Amino acid sequence: MLMRSCVCRMLWAFDFSPARDEKGQPLWPDPQAATSNVTRRPAVFPRALKPRNEEIGALIKEEATRAEEALREWE
């Protein structure tokens, strides 16, 4: 359930697009590239994440700051 919540939040907060090369062309992932251990999953591929708007970007930065402060307790 937690993983589904994280994915939903990412879809709400970001526009996802392929990364671009030096000429501005999209770098599409290879659909056949995968890692395989116990389960098979797509290989890591370049991508671009952009907050959907400035308000969401500010919220993401605030949450990141709070998370960093909370983690300091465990140092």
C-alpha atoms as a PDB file:
ATOM      1  CA  MET A   1       0.000   0.000   0.000  1.00  0.00           C
ATOM      2  CA  LEU A   2       2.835   2.411   0.830  1.00  0.00           C
ATOM      3  CA  MET A   3       4.453   1.903  -2.576  1.00  0.00           C
ATOM      4  CA  ARG A   4       1.175   2.663  -4.371  1.00  0.00           C
ATOM      5  CA  SER A   5       0.853   5.876  -2.355  1.00  0.00           C
ATOM      6  CA  CYS A   6       4.397   6.940  -3.321  1.00  0.00           C
ATOM      7  CA  VAL A   7       3.750   6.305  -7.014  1.00  0.00           C
ATOM      8  CA  CYS A   8       0.483   8.249  -6.875  1.00  0.00           C
ATOM      9  CA  ARG A   9       2.233  11.199  -5.265  1.00  0.00           C
ATOM     10  CA  MET A  10       4.955  11.187  -7.895  1.00  0.00           C
ATOM     11  CA  LEU A  11       2.381  11.132 -10.693  1.00  0.00           C
ATOM     12  CA  TRP A  12       0.522  14.010  -8.998  1.00  0.00           C
ATOM     13  CA  ALA A  13       3.647  16.128  -8.490  1.00  0.00           C
ATOM     14  CA  PHE A  14       5.782  15.631 -11.596  1.00  0.00           C
ATOM     15  CA  ASP A  15       5.683  15.698 -15.363  1.00  0.00           C
ATOM     16  CA  PHE A  16       7.759  12.769 -16.609  1.00  0.00           C
ATOM     17  CA  SER A  17       9.582  12.890 -19.926  1.00  0.00           C
ATOM     18  CA  PRO A  18      12.591  11.245 -21.529  1.00  0.00           C
ATOM     19  CA  ALA A  19      15.967  12.860 -20.950  1.00  0.00           C
ATOM     20  CA  ARG A  20      17.465  14.611 -23.955  1.00  0.00           C
ATOM     21  CA  ASP A  21      20.880  14.291 -25.577  1.00  0.00           C
ATOM     22  CA  GLU A  22      23.173  17.198 -26.476  1.00  0.00           C
ATOM     23  CA  LYS A  23      21.197  17.769 -29.700  1.00  0.00           C
ATOM     24  CA  GLY A  24      17.885  17.910 -27.832  1.00  0.00           C
ATOM     25  CA  GLN A  25      16.697  14.523 -29.074  1.00  0.00           C
ATOM     26  CA  PRO A  26      14.789  12.318 -26.607  1.00  0.00           C
ATOM     27  CA  LEU A  27      16.659   9.368 -25.104  1.00  0.00           C
ATOM     28  CA  TRP A  28      14.035   6.614 -25.141  1.00  0.00           C
ATOM     29  CA  PRO A  29      14.580   3.599 -22.866  1.00  0.00           C
ATOM     30  CA  ASP A  30      15.271   0.245 -24.460  1.00  0.00           C
ATOM     31  CA  PRO A  31      12.170  -1.865 -23.699  1.00  0.00           C
ATOM     32  CA  GLN A  32      14.310  -5.040 -23.753  1.00  0.00           C
ATOM     33  CA  ALA A  33      16.846  -3.767 -21.180  1.00  0.00           C
ATOM     34  CA  ALA A  34      16.156  -5.331 -17.799  1.00  0.00           C
ATOM     35  CA  THR A  35      17.837  -6.531 -14.643  1.00  0.00           C
ATOM     36  CA  SER A  36      17.173  -9.985 -13.362  1.00  0.00           C
ATOM     37  CA  ASN A  37      17.574 -11.348  -9.874  1.00  0.00           C
ATOM     38  CA  VAL A  38      14.601 -12.943  -8.181  1.00  0.00           C
ATOM     39  CA  THR A  39      12.302 -10.678 -10.169  1.00  0.00           C
ATOM     40  CA  ARG A  40      12.733  -8.983 -13.519  1.00  0.00           C
ATOM     41  CA  ARG A  41      12.513  -5.201 -13.683  1.00  0.00           C
ATOM     42  CA  PRO A  42      13.396  -2.489 -16.202  1.00  0.00           C
ATOM     43  CA  ALA A  43      16.994  -1.299 -16.264  1.00  0.00           C
ATOM     44  CA  VAL A  44      17.677   2.226 -15.066  1.00  0.00           C
ATOM     45  CA  PHE A  45      17.223   4.752 -17.860  1.00  0.00           C
ATOM     46  CA  PRO A  46      17.687   8.517 -18.178  1.00  0.00           C
ATOM     47  CA  ARG A  47      14.578  10.591 -17.572  1.00  0.00           C
ATOM     48  CA  ALA A  48      13.523  14.131 -16.756  1.00  0.00           C
ATOM     49  CA  LEU A  49      11.242  15.007 -13.849  1.00  0.00           C
ATOM     50  CA  LYS A  50       9.760  18.468 -13.620  1.00  0.00           C
ATOM     51  CA  PRO A  51       7.378  19.704 -10.920  1.00  0.00           C
ATOM     52  CA  ARG A  52       3.962  20.355 -12.474  1.00  0.00           C
ATOM     53  CA  ASN A  53       3.936  23.961 -11.216  1.00  0.00           C
ATOM     54  CA  GLU A  54       5.793  26.367  -8.901  1.00  0.00           C
ATOM     55  CA  GLU A  55       3.509  25.653  -5.937  1.00  0.00           C
ATOM     56  CA  ILE A  56       4.203  21.937  -6.139  1.00  0.00           C
ATOM     57  CA  GLY A  57       7.938  22.638  -6.556  1.00  0.00           C
ATOM     58  CA  ALA A  58       7.931  24.711  -3.358  1.00  0.00           C
ATOM     59  CA  LEU A  59       6.022  21.978  -1.506  1.00  0.00           C
ATOM     60  CA  ILE A  60       8.551  19.364  -2.618  1.00  0.00           C
ATOM     61  CA  LYS A  61      11.438  21.525  -1.357  1.00  0.00           C
ATOM     62  CA  GLU A  62       9.689  22.054   2.002  1.00  0.00           C
ATOM     63  CA  GLU A  63       9.083  18.328   2.427  1.00  0.00           C
ATOM     64  CA  ALA A  64      12.698  17.540   1.507  1.00  0.00           C
ATOM     65  CA  THR A  65      13.933  20.003   4.140  1.00  0.00           C
ATOM     66  CA  ARG A  66      11.661  18.451   6.780  1.00  0.00           C
ATOM     67  CA  ALA A  67      12.833  14.955   5.855  1.00  0.00           C
ATOM     68  CA  GLU A  68      16.500  15.972   6.126  1.00  0.00           C
ATOM     69  CA  GLU A  69      15.871  17.500   9.553  1.00  0.00           C
ATOM     70  CA  ALA A  70      14.087  14.353  10.739  1.00  0.00           C
ATOM     71  CA  LEU A  71      16.956  12.170   9.511  1.00  0.00           C
ATOM     72  CA  ARG A  72      19.504  14.173  11.488  1.00  0.00           C
ATOM     73  CA  GLU A  73      18.095  12.569  14.646  1.00  0.00           C
ATOM     74  CA  TRP A  74      19.465   9.237  13.416  1.00  0.00           C
ATOM     75  CA  GLU A  75      23.037  10.414  12.763  1.00  0.00           C
END
